[in-house]
């Protein structure tokens, strides 16, 4: 959150995603207050119909995503976002081990970097 706050108007935060409704709504509320947003964030999670990660990634107005999830989930979510044509910023290490991290980076360079 402090990094987003430091970016100020340079970033247009539109939505948040978490696996649970409770955590996605809590994060949205905190972000709206902390960042002084004048608009409500769209909230996505795996519990509300039509509000899954896939639905979020399908939005044409979302250009990039910041992935802040447990490290074991990072590679799959990064791949999904890249496949959806989104820029990806990974807050944590990109994978739980070096081999998985290297494989993900190699996949990015081979499939998505030129796009």
PDB file of N, CA and C in Angstrom:
ATOM      1  N   UNK A   1       0.813  -1.191   0.000  1.00  0.00           N
ATOM      2  CA  UNK A   1       0.000   0.000   0.000  1.00  0.00           C
ATOM      3  C   UNK A   1       0.864   1.266   0.000  1.00  0.00           C
ATOM      4  N   UNK A   2       1.965   1.301   0.780  1.00  0.00           N
ATOM      5  CA  UNK A   2       2.801   2.506   0.745  1.00  0.00           C
ATOM      6  C   UNK A   2       3.375   2.799  -0.645  1.00  0.00           C
ATOM      7  N   UNK A   3       3.721   1.761  -1.386  1.00  0.00           N
ATOM      8  CA  UNK A   3       4.250   1.979  -2.738  1.00  0.00           C
ATOM      9  C   UNK A   3       3.183   2.565  -3.654  1.00  0.00           C
ATOM     10  N   UNK A   4       1.959   2.090  -3.536  1.00  0.00           N
ATOM     11  CA  UNK A   4       0.867   2.655  -4.338  1.00  0.00           C
ATOM     12  C   UNK A   4       0.618   4.106  -3.953  1.00  0.00           C
ATOM     13  N   UNK A   5       0.652   4.386  -2.675  1.00  0.00           N
ATOM     14  CA  UNK A   5       0.442   5.752  -2.211  1.00  0.00           C
ATOM     15  C   UNK A   5       1.531   6.676  -2.747  1.00  0.00           C
ATOM     16  N   UNK A   6       2.763   6.174  -2.802  1.00  0.00           N
ATOM     17  CA  UNK A   6       3.877   6.986  -3.304  1.00  0.00           C
ATOM     18  C   UNK A   6       3.727   7.312  -4.784  1.00  0.00           C
ATOM     19  N   UNK A   7       3.061   6.450  -5.530  1.00  0.00           N
ATOM     20  CA  UNK A   7       2.855   6.696  -6.958  1.00  0.00           C
ATOM     21  C   UNK A   7       1.810   7.778  -7.211  1.00  0.00           C
ATOM     22  N   UNK A   8       0.929   7.969  -6.255  1.00  0.00           N
ATOM     23  CA  UNK A   8      -0.082   9.019  -6.380  1.00  0.00           C
ATOM     24  C   UNK A   8      -0.895   8.892  -7.651  1.00  0.00           C
ATOM     25  N   UNK A   9      -0.996   9.987  -8.391  1.00  0.00           N
ATOM     26  CA  UNK A   9      -1.817  10.044  -9.598  1.00  0.00           C
ATOM     27  C   UNK A   9      -1.213   9.264 -10.761  1.00  0.00           C
ATOM     28  N   UNK A  10      -0.001   8.774 -10.603  1.00  0.00           N
ATOM     29  CA  UNK A  10       0.640   8.029 -11.689  1.00  0.00           C
ATOM     30  C   UNK A  10      -0.016   6.687 -11.938  1.00  0.00           C
ATOM     31  N   UNK A  11      -0.828   6.249 -10.998  1.00  0.00           N
ATOM     32  CA  UNK A  11      -1.500   4.964 -11.153  1.00  0.00           C
ATOM     33  C   UNK A  11      -3.000   5.155 -10.954  1.00  0.00           C
ATOM     34  N   UNK A  12      -3.756   4.484 -11.787  1.00  0.00           N
ATOM     35  CA  UNK A  12      -5.216   4.560 -11.700  1.00  0.00           C
ATOM     36  C   UNK A  12      -5.726   3.203 -11.229  1.00  0.00           C
ATOM     37  N   UNK A  13      -5.797   3.030  -9.925  1.00  0.00           N
ATOM     38  CA  UNK A  13      -6.244   1.767  -9.351  1.00  0.00           C
ATOM     39  C   UNK A  13      -7.745   1.627  -9.562  1.00  0.00           C
ATOM     40  N   UNK A  14      -8.136   0.543 -10.229  1.00  0.00           N
ATOM     41  CA  UNK A  14      -9.537   0.353 -10.587  1.00  0.00           C
ATOM     42  C   UNK A  14     -10.202  -0.808  -9.864  1.00  0.00           C
ATOM     43  N   UNK A  15      -9.415  -1.830  -9.537  1.00  0.00           N
ATOM     44  CA  UNK A  15     -10.019  -3.047  -8.995  1.00  0.00           C
ATOM     45  C   UNK A  15      -9.021  -3.783  -8.123  1.00  0.00           C
ATOM     46  N   UNK A  16      -9.565  -4.643  -7.276  1.00  0.00           N
ATOM     47  CA  UNK A  16      -8.745  -5.530  -6.459  1.00  0.00           C
ATOM     48  C   UNK A  16      -9.289  -6.951  -6.585  1.00  0.00           C
ATOM     49  N   UNK A  17      -8.395  -7.909  -6.388  1.00  0.00           N
ATOM     50  CA  UNK A  17      -8.772  -9.322  -6.425  1.00  0.00           C
ATOM     51  C   UNK A  17      -8.116 -10.023  -5.255  1.00  0.00           C
ATOM     52  N   UNK A  18      -8.850 -10.889  -4.645  1.00  0.00           N
ATOM     53  CA  UNK A  18      -8.314 -11.832  -3.674  1.00  0.00           C
ATOM     54  C   UNK A  18      -9.172 -13.077  -3.785  1.00  0.00           C
ATOM     55  N   UNK A  19      -8.669 -14.181  -3.313  1.00  0.00           N
ATOM     56  CA  UNK A  19      -9.433 -15.414  -3.442  1.00  0.00           C
ATOM     57  C   UNK A  19     -10.741 -15.368  -2.667  1.00  0.00           C
ATOM     58  N   UNK A  20     -10.778 -14.683  -1.525  1.00  0.00           N
ATOM     59  CA  UNK A  20     -11.998 -14.636  -0.723  1.00  0.00           C
ATOM     60  C   UNK A  20     -12.661 -13.263  -0.792  1.00  0.00           C
ATOM     61  N   UNK A  21     -13.948 -13.268  -0.626  1.00  0.00           N
ATOM     62  CA  UNK A  21     -14.719 -12.032  -0.604  1.00  0.00           C
ATOM     63  C   UNK A  21     -14.301 -11.164   0.578  1.00  0.00           C
ATOM     64  N   UNK A  22     -14.082 -11.788   1.707  1.00  0.00           N
ATOM     65  CA  UNK A  22     -13.711 -11.047   2.913  1.00  0.00           C
ATOM     66  C   UNK A  22     -12.419 -10.265   2.701  1.00  0.00           C
ATOM     67  N   UNK A  23     -11.382 -10.918   2.191  1.00  0.00           N
ATOM     68  CA  UNK A  23     -10.096 -10.232   2.041  1.00  0.00           C
ATOM     69  C   UNK A  23     -10.114  -9.221   0.897  1.00  0.00           C
ATOM     70  N   UNK A  24     -10.830  -9.513  -0.196  1.00  0.00           N
ATOM     71  CA  UNK A  24     -10.878  -8.545  -1.299  1.00  0.00           C
ATOM     72  C   UNK A  24     -11.631  -7.284  -0.882  1.00  0.00           C
ATOM     73  N   UNK A  25     -12.727  -7.443  -0.153  1.00  0.00           N
ATOM     74  CA  UNK A  25     -13.481  -6.275   0.317  1.00  0.00           C
ATOM     75  C   UNK A  25     -12.689  -5.486   1.355  1.00  0.00           C
ATOM     76  N   UNK A  26     -12.002  -6.176   2.253  1.00  0.00           N
ATOM     77  CA  UNK A  26     -11.201  -5.493   3.271  1.00  0.00           C
ATOM     78  C   UNK A  26     -10.070  -4.705   2.621  1.00  0.00           C
ATOM     79  N   UNK A  27      -9.414  -5.306   1.640  1.00  0.00           N
ATOM     80  CA  UNK A  27      -8.324  -4.600   0.962  1.00  0.00           C
ATOM     81  C   UNK A  27      -8.855  -3.385   0.214  1.00  0.00           C
ATOM     82  N   UNK A  28      -9.976  -3.536  -0.467  1.00  0.00           N
ATOM     83  CA  UNK A  28     -10.560  -2.417  -1.209  1.00  0.00           C
ATOM     84  C   UNK A  28     -10.879  -1.261  -0.268  1.00  0.00           C
ATOM     85  N   UNK A  29     -11.474  -1.571   0.868  1.00  0.00           N
ATOM     86  CA  UNK A  29     -11.829  -0.525   1.833  1.00  0.00           C
ATOM     87  C   UNK A  29     -10.581   0.193   2.338  1.00  0.00           C
ATOM     88  N   UNK A  30      -9.562  -0.563   2.679  1.00  0.00           N
ATOM     89  CA  UNK A  30      -8.307   0.027   3.153  1.00  0.00           C
ATOM     90  C   UNK A  30      -7.659   0.867   2.064  1.00  0.00           C
ATOM     91  N   UNK A  31      -7.634   0.349   0.849  1.00  0.00           N
ATOM     92  CA  UNK A  31      -7.019   1.079  -0.266  1.00  0.00           C
ATOM     93  C   UNK A  31      -7.753   2.390  -0.539  1.00  0.00           C
ATOM     94  N   UNK A  32      -9.062   2.342  -0.527  1.00  0.00           N
ATOM     95  CA  UNK A  32      -9.844   3.550  -0.795  1.00  0.00           C
ATOM     96  C   UNK A  32      -9.522   4.639   0.227  1.00  0.00           C
ATOM     97  N   UNK A  33      -9.409   4.256   1.495  1.00  0.00           N
ATOM     98  CA  UNK A  33      -9.103   5.221   2.556  1.00  0.00           C
ATOM     99  C   UNK A  33      -7.644   5.675   2.493  1.00  0.00           C
ATOM    100  N   UNK A  34      -6.736   4.715   2.432  1.00  0.00           N
ATOM    101  CA  UNK A  34      -5.309   5.018   2.469  1.00  0.00           C
ATOM    102  C   UNK A  34      -4.864   5.847   1.274  1.00  0.00           C
ATOM    103  N   UNK A  35      -5.396   5.528   0.110  1.00  0.00           N
ATOM    104  CA  UNK A  35      -4.987   6.217  -1.108  1.00  0.00           C
ATOM    105  C   UNK A  35      -5.837   7.449  -1.394  1.00  0.00           C
ATOM    106  N   UNK A  36      -6.864   7.662  -0.574  1.00  0.00           N
ATOM    107  CA  UNK A  36      -7.734   8.819  -0.767  1.00  0.00           C
ATOM    108  C   UNK A  36      -8.481   8.781  -2.089  1.00  0.00           C
ATOM    109  N   UNK A  37      -8.899   7.586  -2.480  1.00  0.00           N
ATOM    110  CA  UNK A  37      -9.594   7.450  -3.764  1.00  0.00           C
ATOM    111  C   UNK A  37     -10.959   8.124  -3.711  1.00  0.00           C
ATOM    112  N   UNK A  38     -11.329   8.713  -4.821  1.00  0.00           N
ATOM    113  CA  UNK A  38     -12.633   9.370  -4.920  1.00  0.00           C
ATOM    114  C   UNK A  38     -13.680   8.446  -5.529  1.00  0.00           C
ATOM    115  N   UNK A  39     -13.265   7.235  -5.841  1.00  0.00           N
ATOM    116  CA  UNK A  39     -14.187   6.255  -6.433  1.00  0.00           C
ATOM    117  C   UNK A  39     -14.068   4.928  -5.689  1.00  0.00           C
ATOM    118  N   UNK A  40     -15.105   4.138  -5.780  1.00  0.00           N
ATOM    119  CA  UNK A  40     -15.102   2.793  -5.202  1.00  0.00           C
ATOM    120  C   UNK A  40     -14.317   1.877  -6.126  1.00  0.00           C
ATOM    121  N   UNK A  41     -13.565   0.972  -5.539  1.00  0.00           N
ATOM    122  CA  UNK A  41     -12.853  -0.023  -6.333  1.00  0.00           C
ATOM    123  C   UNK A  41     -13.786  -1.179  -6.660  1.00  0.00           C
ATOM    124  N   UNK A  42     -13.634  -1.727  -7.848  1.00  0.00           N
ATOM    125  CA  UNK A  42     -14.354  -2.946  -8.197  1.00  0.00           C
ATOM    126  C   UNK A  42     -13.665  -4.097  -7.470  1.00  0.00           C
ATOM    127  N   UNK A  43     -14.467  -4.975  -6.901  1.00  0.00           N
ATOM    128  CA  UNK A  43     -13.933  -6.059  -6.075  1.00  0.00           C
ATOM    129  C   UNK A  43     -14.184  -7.401  -6.759  1.00  0.00           C
ATOM    130  N   UNK A  44     -13.121  -8.178  -6.896  1.00  0.00           N
ATOM    131  CA  UNK A  44     -13.183  -9.499  -7.524  1.00  0.00           C
ATOM    132  C   UNK A  44     -12.681 -10.544  -6.546  1.00  0.00           C
ATOM    133  N   UNK A  45     -13.290 -11.734  -6.614  1.00  0.00           N
ATOM    134  CA  UNK A  45     -12.865 -12.859  -5.790  1.00  0.00           C
ATOM    135  C   UNK A  45     -13.487 -14.130  -6.367  1.00  0.00           C
ATOM    136  N   UNK A  46     -13.157 -15.235  -5.793  1.00  0.00           N
ATOM    137  CA  UNK A  46     -13.653 -16.512  -6.314  1.00  0.00           C
ATOM    138  C   UNK A  46     -14.983 -16.937  -5.693  1.00  0.00           C
ATOM    139  N   UNK A  47     -15.549 -16.116  -4.836  1.00  0.00           N
ATOM    140  CA  UNK A  47     -16.806 -16.469  -4.177  1.00  0.00           C
ATOM    141  C   UNK A  47     -18.031 -15.824  -4.827  1.00  0.00           C
ATOM    142  N   UNK A  48     -17.845 -14.704  -5.485  1.00  0.00           N
ATOM    143  CA  UNK A  48     -18.968 -13.988  -6.087  1.00  0.00           C
ATOM    144  C   UNK A  48     -19.062 -14.304  -7.580  1.00  0.00           C
ATOM    145  N   UNK A  49     -20.223 -14.774  -8.014  1.00  0.00           N
ATOM    146  CA  UNK A  49     -20.423 -15.144  -9.418  1.00  0.00           C
ATOM    147  C   UNK A  49     -20.096 -13.970 -10.336  1.00  0.00           C
ATOM    148  N   UNK A  50     -19.337 -14.264 -11.378  1.00  0.00           N
ATOM    149  CA  UNK A  50     -18.996 -13.245 -12.368  1.00  0.00           C
ATOM    150  C   UNK A  50     -17.893 -12.296 -11.935  1.00  0.00           C
ATOM    151  N   UNK A  51     -17.305 -12.524 -10.780  1.00  0.00           N
ATOM    152  CA  UNK A  51     -16.264 -11.625 -10.269  1.00  0.00           C
ATOM    153  C   UNK A  51     -14.943 -12.359 -10.029  1.00  0.00           C
ATOM    154  N   UNK A  52     -14.653 -13.344 -10.856  1.00  0.00           N
ATOM    155  CA  UNK A  52     -13.430 -14.139 -10.700  1.00  0.00           C
ATOM    156  C   UNK A  52     -12.218 -13.398 -11.256  1.00  0.00           C
ATOM    157  N   UNK A  53     -11.053 -13.967 -11.045  1.00  0.00           N
ATOM    158  CA  UNK A  53      -9.830 -13.417 -11.621  1.00  0.00           C
ATOM    159  C   UNK A  53      -9.930 -13.365 -13.141  1.00  0.00           C
ATOM    160  N   UNK A  54     -10.493 -14.403 -13.734  1.00  0.00           N
ATOM    161  CA  UNK A  54     -10.640 -14.409 -15.194  1.00  0.00           C
ATOM    162  C   UNK A  54     -11.490 -13.236 -15.669  1.00  0.00           C
ATOM    163  N   UNK A  55     -12.548 -12.913 -14.927  1.00  0.00           N
ATOM    164  CA  UNK A  55     -13.400 -11.768 -15.283  1.00  0.00           C
ATOM    165  C   UNK A  55     -12.617 -10.464 -15.186  1.00  0.00           C
ATOM    166  N   UNK A  56     -11.813 -10.335 -14.156  1.00  0.00           N
ATOM    167  CA  UNK A  56     -10.996  -9.137 -14.011  1.00  0.00           C
ATOM    168  C   UNK A  56     -10.001  -9.020 -15.161  1.00  0.00           C
ATOM    169  N   UNK A  57      -9.317 -10.113 -15.471  1.00  0.00           N
ATOM    170  CA  UNK A  57      -8.311 -10.086 -16.532  1.00  0.00           C
ATOM    171  C   UNK A  57      -8.922  -9.882 -17.917  1.00  0.00           C
ATOM    172  N   UNK A  58     -10.206 -10.144 -18.067  1.00  0.00           N
ATOM    173  CA  UNK A  58     -10.880  -9.945 -19.351  1.00  0.00           C
ATOM    174  C   UNK A  58     -11.212  -8.474 -19.609  1.00  0.00           C
ATOM    175  N   UNK A  59     -11.113  -7.643 -18.594  1.00  0.00           N
ATOM    176  CA  UNK A  59     -11.447  -6.226 -18.751  1.00  0.00           C
ATOM    177  C   UNK A  59     -10.438  -5.519 -19.652  1.00  0.00           C
ATOM    178  N   UNK A  60     -10.943  -4.827 -20.658  1.00  0.00           N
ATOM    179  CA  UNK A  60     -10.055  -4.110 -21.580  1.00  0.00           C
ATOM    180  C   UNK A  60      -9.474  -2.841 -20.961  1.00  0.00           C
ATOM    181  N   UNK A  61     -10.079  -2.333 -19.907  1.00  0.00           N
ATOM    182  CA  UNK A  61      -9.567  -1.119 -19.274  1.00  0.00           C
ATOM    183  C   UNK A  61      -8.496  -1.400 -18.221  1.00  0.00           C
ATOM    184  N   UNK A  62      -8.176  -2.654 -18.010  1.00  0.00           N
ATOM    185  CA  UNK A  62      -7.109  -3.029 -17.077  1.00  0.00           C
ATOM    186  C   UNK A  62      -5.859  -3.307 -17.905  1.00  0.00           C
ATOM    187  N   UNK A  63      -4.845  -2.456 -17.737  1.00  0.00           N
ATOM    188  CA  UNK A  63      -3.612  -2.598 -18.517  1.00  0.00           C
ATOM    189  C   UNK A  63      -2.555  -3.422 -17.799  1.00  0.00           C
ATOM    190  N   UNK A  64      -2.570  -3.372 -16.483  1.00  0.00           N
ATOM    191  CA  UNK A  64      -1.552  -4.074 -15.724  1.00  0.00           C
ATOM    192  C   UNK A  64      -2.088  -4.535 -14.388  1.00  0.00           C
ATOM    193  N   UNK A  65      -1.374  -5.461 -13.787  1.00  0.00           N
ATOM    194  CA  UNK A  65      -1.760  -5.998 -12.489  1.00  0.00           C
ATOM    195  C   UNK A  65      -0.536  -6.053 -11.579  1.00  0.00           C
ATOM    196  N   UNK A  66      -0.804  -5.883 -10.309  1.00  0.00           N
ATOM    197  CA  UNK A  66       0.221  -6.070  -9.292  1.00  0.00           C
ATOM    198  C   UNK A  66      -0.162  -7.344  -8.545  1.00  0.00           C
ATOM    199  N   UNK A  67       0.703  -8.329  -8.588  1.00  0.00           N
ATOM    200  CA  UNK A  67       0.401  -9.624  -7.992  1.00  0.00           C
ATOM    201  C   UNK A  67       1.015  -9.681  -6.599  1.00  0.00           C
ATOM    202  N   UNK A  68       0.143  -9.778  -5.588  1.00  0.00           N
ATOM    203  CA  UNK A  68       0.565  -9.846  -4.192  1.00  0.00           C
ATOM    204  C   UNK A  68      -0.209 -11.001  -3.557  1.00  0.00           C
ATOM    205  N   UNK A  69       0.278 -12.192  -3.793  1.00  0.00           N
ATOM    206  CA  UNK A  69      -0.372 -13.413  -3.296  1.00  0.00           C
ATOM    207  C   UNK A  69       0.695 -14.330  -2.712  1.00  0.00           C
ATOM    208  N   UNK A  70       0.307 -15.372  -2.000  1.00  0.00           N
ATOM    209  CA  UNK A  70       1.312 -16.315  -1.488  1.00  0.00           C
ATOM    210  C   UNK A  70       2.218 -16.827  -2.619  1.00  0.00           C
ATOM    211  N   UNK A  71       3.471 -16.974  -2.299  1.00  0.00           N
ATOM    212  CA  UNK A  71       4.479 -17.308  -3.301  1.00  0.00           C
ATOM    213  C   UNK A  71       4.161 -18.582  -4.087  1.00  0.00           C
ATOM    214  N   UNK A  72       3.481 -19.534  -3.477  1.00  0.00           N
ATOM    215  CA  UNK A  72       3.157 -20.768  -4.196  1.00  0.00           C
ATOM    216  C   UNK A  72       2.128 -20.528  -5.298  1.00  0.00           C
ATOM    217  N   UNK A  73       1.364 -19.456  -5.201  1.00  0.00           N
ATOM    218  CA  UNK A  73       0.351 -19.126  -6.210  1.00  0.00           C
ATOM    219  C   UNK A  73       0.878 -18.184  -7.287  1.00  0.00           C
ATOM    220  N   UNK A  74       1.983 -17.517  -7.013  1.00  0.00           N
ATOM    221  CA  UNK A  74       2.496 -16.497  -7.924  1.00  0.00           C
ATOM    222  C   UNK A  74       2.629 -16.963  -9.383  1.00  0.00           C
ATOM    223  N   UNK A  75       3.343 -18.059  -9.676  1.00  0.00           N
ATOM    224  CA  UNK A  75       3.569 -18.403 -11.078  1.00  0.00           C
ATOM    225  C   UNK A  75       2.281 -18.570 -11.896  1.00  0.00           C
ATOM    226  N   UNK A  76       1.288 -19.240 -11.353  1.00  0.00           N
ATOM    227  CA  UNK A  76       0.044 -19.455 -12.105  1.00  0.00           C
ATOM    228  C   UNK A  76      -0.690 -18.147 -12.376  1.00  0.00           C
ATOM    229  N   UNK A  77      -0.712 -17.257 -11.405  1.00  0.00           N
ATOM    230  CA  UNK A  77      -1.403 -15.984 -11.573  1.00  0.00           C
ATOM    231  C   UNK A  77      -0.636 -15.091 -12.546  1.00  0.00           C
ATOM    232  N   UNK A  78       0.678 -15.079 -12.434  1.00  0.00           N
ATOM    233  CA  UNK A  78       1.498 -14.304 -13.379  1.00  0.00           C
ATOM    234  C   UNK A  78       1.254 -14.804 -14.799  1.00  0.00           C
ATOM    235  N   UNK A  79       1.249 -16.114 -14.995  1.00  0.00           N
ATOM    236  CA  UNK A  79       0.991 -16.684 -16.325  1.00  0.00           C
ATOM    237  C   UNK A  79      -0.388 -16.273 -16.854  1.00  0.00           C
ATOM    238  N   UNK A  80      -1.398 -16.336 -16.015  1.00  0.00           N
ATOM    239  CA  UNK A  80      -2.758 -15.952 -16.426  1.00  0.00           C
ATOM    240  C   UNK A  80      -2.797 -14.494 -16.869  1.00  0.00           C
ATOM    241  N   UNK A  81      -2.159 -13.641 -16.089  1.00  0.00           N
ATOM    242  CA  UNK A  81      -2.155 -12.212 -16.413  1.00  0.00           C
ATOM    243  C   UNK A  81      -1.395 -11.947 -17.709  1.00  0.00           C
ATOM    244  N   UNK A  82      -0.255 -12.586 -17.877  1.00  0.00           N
ATOM    245  CA  UNK A  82       0.510 -12.415 -19.121  1.00  0.00           C
ATOM    246  C   UNK A  82      -0.282 -12.923 -20.324  1.00  0.00           C
ATOM    247  N   UNK A  83      -0.922 -14.067 -20.170  1.00  0.00           N
ATOM    248  CA  UNK A  83      -1.718 -14.633 -21.261  1.00  0.00           C
ATOM    249  C   UNK A  83      -2.887 -13.718 -21.621  1.00  0.00           C
ATOM    250  N   UNK A  84      -3.367 -12.948 -20.650  1.00  0.00           N
ATOM    251  CA  UNK A  84      -4.467 -12.006 -20.896  1.00  0.00           C
ATOM    252  C   UNK A  84      -3.954 -10.684 -21.473  1.00  0.00           C
ATOM    253  N   UNK A  85      -2.638 -10.589 -21.676  1.00  0.00           N
ATOM    254  CA  UNK A  85      -2.062  -9.388 -22.274  1.00  0.00           C
ATOM    255  C   UNK A  85      -1.826  -8.248 -21.297  1.00  0.00           C
ATOM    256  N   UNK A  86      -1.713  -8.562 -20.024  1.00  0.00           N
ATOM    257  CA  UNK A  86      -1.526  -7.526 -19.009  1.00  0.00           C
ATOM    258  C   UNK A  86      -0.053  -7.391 -18.627  1.00  0.00           C
ATOM    259  N   UNK A  87       0.341  -6.170 -18.296  1.00  0.00           N
ATOM    260  CA  UNK A  87       1.649  -5.953 -17.689  1.00  0.00           C
ATOM    261  C   UNK A  87       1.582  -6.520 -16.280  1.00  0.00           C
ATOM    262  N   UNK A  88       2.680  -7.083 -15.803  1.00  0.00           N
ATOM    263  CA  UNK A  88       2.675  -7.713 -14.481  1.00  0.00           C
ATOM    264  C   UNK A  88       3.800  -7.157 -13.623  1.00  0.00           C
ATOM    265  N   UNK A  89       3.429  -6.756 -12.421  1.00  0.00           N
ATOM    266  CA  UNK A  89       4.399  -6.412 -11.389  1.00  0.00           C
ATOM    267  C   UNK A  89       4.190  -7.435 -10.282  1.00  0.00           C
ATOM    268  N   UNK A  90       5.264  -8.129  -9.922  1.00  0.00           N
ATOM    269  CA  UNK A  90       5.176  -9.143  -8.874  1.00  0.00           C
ATOM    270  C   UNK A  90       5.837  -8.592  -7.624  1.00  0.00           C
ATOM    271  N   UNK A  91       5.060  -8.441  -6.558  1.00  0.00           N
ATOM    272  CA  UNK A  91       5.535  -7.860  -5.311  1.00  0.00           C
ATOM    273  C   UNK A  91       6.511  -8.761  -4.586  1.00  0.00           C
ATOM    274  N   UNK A  92       6.368 -10.035  -4.727  1.00  0.00           N
ATOM    275  CA  UNK A  92       7.209 -10.986  -4.015  1.00  0.00           C
ATOM    276  C   UNK A  92       8.116 -11.719  -5.011  1.00  0.00           C
ATOM    277  N   UNK A  93       8.954 -12.610  -4.556  1.00  0.00           N
ATOM    278  CA  UNK A  93       9.665 -13.437  -5.541  1.00  0.00           C
ATOM    279  C   UNK A  93       8.656 -14.089  -6.484  1.00  0.00           C
ATOM    280  N   UNK A  94       9.039 -14.245  -7.718  1.00  0.00           N
ATOM    281  CA  UNK A  94       8.103 -14.688  -8.747  1.00  0.00           C
ATOM    282  C   UNK A  94       7.695 -16.153  -8.628  1.00  0.00           C
ATOM    283  N   UNK A  95       8.455 -16.921  -7.869  1.00  0.00           N
ATOM    284  CA  UNK A  95       8.162 -18.357  -7.735  1.00  0.00           C
ATOM    285  C   UNK A  95       8.755 -18.883  -6.430  1.00  0.00           C
ATOM    286  N   UNK A  96       8.290 -20.044  -5.992  1.00  0.00           N
ATOM    287  CA  UNK A  96       8.768 -20.580  -4.712  1.00  0.00           C
ATOM    288  C   UNK A  96      10.185 -21.148  -4.744  1.00  0.00           C
ATOM    289  N   UNK A  97      10.737 -21.372  -5.931  1.00  0.00           N
ATOM    290  CA  UNK A  97      12.104 -21.881  -6.015  1.00  0.00           C
ATOM    291  C   UNK A  97      12.764 -21.357  -7.289  1.00  0.00           C
ATOM    292  N   UNK A  98      14.072 -21.468  -7.347  1.00  0.00           N
ATOM    293  CA  UNK A  98      14.850 -20.916  -8.458  1.00  0.00           C
ATOM    294  C   UNK A  98      14.455 -21.545  -9.792  1.00  0.00           C
ATOM    295  N   UNK A  99      14.305 -22.856  -9.824  1.00  0.00           N
ATOM    296  CA  UNK A  99      13.964 -23.536 -11.078  1.00  0.00           C
ATOM    297  C   UNK A  99      12.623 -23.048 -11.623  1.00  0.00           C
ATOM    298  N   UNK A 100      11.622 -22.921 -10.762  1.00  0.00           N
ATOM    299  CA  UNK A 100      10.310 -22.442 -11.203  1.00  0.00           C
ATOM    300  C   UNK A 100      10.384 -20.992 -11.652  1.00  0.00           C
ATOM    301  N   UNK A 101      11.158 -20.182 -10.935  1.00  0.00           N
ATOM    302  CA  UNK A 101      11.338 -18.779 -11.309  1.00  0.00           C
ATOM    303  C   UNK A 101      11.992 -18.638 -12.664  1.00  0.00           C
ATOM    304  N   UNK A 102      13.052 -19.412 -12.892  1.00  0.00           N
ATOM    305  CA  UNK A 102      13.734 -19.370 -14.191  1.00  0.00           C
ATOM    306  C   UNK A 102      12.800 -19.818 -15.313  1.00  0.00           C
ATOM    307  N   UNK A 103      12.034 -20.862 -15.061  1.00  0.00           N
ATOM    308  CA  UNK A 103      11.101 -21.358 -16.081  1.00  0.00           C
ATOM    309  C   UNK A 103      10.060 -20.306 -16.425  1.00  0.00           C
ATOM    310  N   UNK A 104       9.554 -19.608 -15.428  1.00  0.00           N
ATOM    311  CA  UNK A 104       8.560 -18.570 -15.673  1.00  0.00           C
ATOM    312  C   UNK A 104       9.165 -17.408 -16.455  1.00  0.00           C
ATOM    313  N   UNK A 105      10.360 -17.004 -16.104  1.00  0.00           N
ATOM    314  CA  UNK A 105      11.025 -15.916 -16.828  1.00  0.00           C
ATOM    315  C   UNK A 105      11.312 -16.327 -18.267  1.00  0.00           C
ATOM    316  N   UNK A 106      11.762 -17.554 -18.474  1.00  0.00           N
ATOM    317  CA  UNK A 106      12.007 -18.045 -19.834  1.00  0.00           C
ATOM    318  C   UNK A 106      10.717 -18.080 -20.645  1.00  0.00           C
ATOM    319  N   UNK A 107       9.625 -18.488 -20.019  1.00  0.00           N
ATOM    320  CA  UNK A 107       8.325 -18.496 -20.698  1.00  0.00           C
ATOM    321  C   UNK A 107       7.919 -17.077 -21.078  1.00  0.00           C
ATOM    322  N   UNK A 108       8.109 -16.131 -20.168  1.00  0.00           N
ATOM    323  CA  UNK A 108       7.804 -14.733 -20.460  1.00  0.00           C
ATOM    324  C   UNK A 108       8.609 -14.254 -21.662  1.00  0.00           C
ATOM    325  N   UNK A 109       9.914 -14.511 -21.653  1.00  0.00           N
ATOM    326  CA  UNK A 109      10.770 -14.031 -22.736  1.00  0.00           C
ATOM    327  C   UNK A 109      10.421 -14.669 -24.067  1.00  0.00           C
ATOM    328  N   UNK A 110      10.040 -15.939 -24.063  1.00  0.00           N
ATOM    329  CA  UNK A 110       9.709 -16.637 -25.298  1.00  0.00           C
ATOM    330  C   UNK A 110       8.316 -16.292 -25.832  1.00  0.00           C
ATOM    331  N   UNK A 111       7.325 -16.129 -24.949  1.00  0.00           N
ATOM    332  CA  UNK A 111       5.944 -15.963 -25.389  1.00  0.00           C
ATOM    333  C   UNK A 111       5.401 -14.535 -25.330  1.00  0.00           C
ATOM    334  N   UNK A 112       5.842 -13.756 -24.346  1.00  0.00           N
ATOM    335  CA  UNK A 112       5.141 -12.509 -24.079  1.00  0.00           C
ATOM    336  C   UNK A 112       5.982 -11.236 -24.230  1.00  0.00           C
ATOM    337  N   UNK A 113       7.280 -11.316 -24.094  1.00  0.00           N
ATOM    338  CA  UNK A 113       8.130 -10.125 -24.108  1.00  0.00           C
ATOM    339  C   UNK A 113       7.939  -9.310 -25.377  1.00  0.00           C
ATOM    340  N   UNK A 114       7.836  -9.959 -26.504  1.00  0.00           N
ATOM    341  CA  UNK A 114       7.702  -9.237 -27.783  1.00  0.00           C
ATOM    342  C   UNK A 114       6.334  -8.579 -27.952  1.00  0.00           C
ATOM    343  N   UNK A 115       5.365  -8.979 -27.116  1.00  0.00           N
ATOM    344  CA  UNK A 115       4.026  -8.417 -27.220  1.00  0.00           C
ATOM    345  C   UNK A 115       3.911  -7.148 -26.425  1.00  0.00           C
TER     346      UNK A 115
END
